Protein backbone atom coordinates (compact mmCIF):
# COMPACT_ATOMS: atom_id res chain seq x y z
CA MET A 1 15.48 22.23 5.15
CA LYS A 2 13.91 19.39 7.12
CA GLN A 3 12.39 16.58 5.10
CA SER A 4 9.09 15.04 6.10
CA ALA A 5 8.76 11.29 6.64
CA GLU A 6 6.30 11.22 3.74
CA GLU A 7 8.79 12.87 1.39
CA LEU A 8 11.50 10.41 2.40
CA GLU A 9 9.12 7.51 1.83
CA LEU A 10 8.21 8.80 -1.66
CA VAL A 11 11.89 9.06 -2.62
CA LYS A 12 12.73 5.62 -1.23
CA LYS A 13 9.74 3.99 -2.89
CA TYR A 14 10.52 5.65 -6.23
CA ALA A 15 14.07 4.26 -6.07
CA GLU A 16 12.93 0.76 -5.04
CA MET A 17 10.05 0.22 -7.46
CA PRO A 18 12.28 -0.34 -10.53
CA LEU A 19 13.99 -3.09 -8.52
CA LEU A 20 10.57 -4.67 -8.06
CA LEU A 21 10.14 -4.65 -11.84
CA ASP A 22 13.55 -6.35 -12.13
CA VAL A 23 12.49 -9.07 -9.69
CA ILE A 24 9.29 -9.73 -11.64
CA GLU A 25 11.19 -9.83 -14.94
CA GLU A 26 13.73 -12.28 -13.52
CA ASP A 27 10.91 -14.53 -12.33
CA LYS A 28 9.35 -14.47 -15.80
CA LYS A 29 12.65 -15.66 -17.26
CA ARG A 30 12.86 -18.45 -14.70
CA ILE A 31 9.33 -19.53 -15.54
CA ASP A 32 10.23 -19.61 -19.24
CA GLU A 33 13.17 -21.88 -18.48
CA SER A 34 11.16 -24.18 -16.24
CA SER A 35 8.85 -27.05 -17.03
CA VAL A 36 5.91 -25.57 -15.10
CA ILE A 37 2.58 -26.59 -16.56
CA LEU A 38 0.91 -23.23 -15.89
CA LYS A 39 3.64 -21.24 -17.63
CA ARG A 40 1.32 -19.07 -19.70
CA GLU A 41 -0.98 -18.27 -16.76
CA LEU A 42 1.91 -17.41 -14.43
CA LYS A 43 3.46 -15.12 -17.02
CA PHE A 44 0.09 -13.46 -17.63
CA TYR A 45 -0.21 -12.79 -13.88
CA LEU A 46 3.34 -11.41 -13.67
CA ASN A 47 2.72 -9.19 -16.72
CA ALA A 48 -0.37 -7.79 -14.99
CA LEU A 49 1.73 -7.12 -11.87
CA GLN A 50 4.34 -5.33 -13.98
CA ASP A 51 1.63 -3.18 -15.56
CA LYS A 52 0.28 -2.22 -12.12
CA VAL A 53 3.77 -1.38 -10.79
CA THR A 54 4.52 0.69 -13.91
CA THR A 55 1.27 2.63 -13.44
CA ASP A 56 2.14 3.22 -9.79
CA ILE A 57 5.63 4.45 -10.72
CA TYR A 58 4.00 6.97 -13.07
CA GLU A 59 1.65 8.15 -10.28
CA LEU A 60 4.58 8.34 -7.86
CA LYS A 61 6.52 10.43 -10.37
CA LYS A 62 3.58 12.86 -10.53
CA ALA A 63 3.48 13.06 -6.71
CA LEU A 64 7.21 13.82 -6.63
CA ARG A 65 6.79 16.54 -9.26
CA ASN A 66 3.88 18.10 -7.33
CA ARG A 67 6.08 18.34 -4.22
CA ASP A 68 9.05 19.71 -6.19
CA ILE A 69 11.14 16.61 -5.45
CA LYS A 70 13.73 15.70 -8.07
CA ILE A 71 15.76 12.50 -8.19
CA ILE A 72 19.23 13.57 -9.28
CA GLU A 73 21.07 10.25 -9.30
CA GLN A 74 20.66 6.64 -8.24
CA LYS A 75 23.60 4.32 -7.82
CA ARG A 76 23.33 0.66 -6.92
CA THR A 77 26.22 -1.28 -5.38
CA LYS A 78 26.38 -4.62 -3.60
CA GLU A 79 26.25 -2.84 -0.25
CA ASN A 80 23.71 -0.07 -0.76
CA LEU A 81 21.47 1.99 -2.99
CA THR A 82 22.57 5.64 -3.02
CA ILE A 83 19.92 8.17 -3.98
CA SER A 84 20.75 11.85 -4.53
CA TYR A 85 17.68 14.06 -4.68
CA SER A 86 16.47 17.60 -4.07
CA ILE A 87 13.37 18.86 -2.30
CA GLN A 88 12.45 22.44 -3.23
CA GLY A 89 16.03 23.06 -4.32
CA TYR A 90 17.71 21.64 -1.18
CA GLN A 91 19.92 18.65 -1.99
CA HIS A 92 19.87 15.47 0.07
CA LYS A 93 21.29 11.96 -0.11
CA MET A 94 20.11 8.63 1.27
CA SER A 95 21.94 5.29 1.20
CA PRO A 96 19.83 2.39 2.48
CA LEU A 97 21.59 -0.97 2.75
CA MET A 98 20.80 -3.40 -0.05
CA SER A 99 19.65 -5.98 2.50
CA ARG A 100 16.99 -3.50 3.63
CA VAL A 101 16.11 -2.58 0.04
CA ARG A 102 15.64 -6.27 -0.87
CA THR A 103 13.35 -6.73 2.13
CA ASP A 104 11.34 -3.64 1.17
CA VAL A 105 11.02 -4.89 -2.42
CA LEU A 106 9.79 -8.31 -1.27
CA VAL A 107 7.26 -6.68 1.07
CA MET A 108 6.06 -4.51 -1.84
CA LEU A 109 5.76 -7.61 -4.01
CA ALA A 110 3.70 -9.34 -1.33
CA ASP A 111 1.45 -6.27 -1.12
CA TYR A 112 0.88 -6.31 -4.89
CA MET A 113 0.14 -10.03 -4.75
CA LYS A 114 -2.15 -9.44 -1.74
CA LEU A 115 -0.20 -11.91 0.39
CA ASP A 116 -0.24 -11.76 4.17
CA LEU A 117 3.38 -12.22 5.23
CA THR A 118 2.37 -12.92 8.82
CA ASP A 119 0.97 -16.27 7.66
CA MET A 120 4.30 -17.36 6.17
């Protein structure tokens, strides 16, 4: 069965969004260890971002369920992120390179922060 571009994007995004949460959590730890004056405000902002991402993951999970898409397994290595999934009972696999996944996660983060990457 042929997969639509939208279905592929939903699967990829669902696999990448937990990595975005990891990035935010790591930044919160770095802020804690730093001597930044606005520590509390920065952590508050990052907590709000985490809440928004978590809500979006929940909505994404509902969209996957509505399309009968099931994530079977995710495996992360240094080289790639392997995602096994099924769409209406047909099994598929995707393995984007981690360099691409990291770029996608940073672009997602910029979108959540409402940053225009073309200005950077």
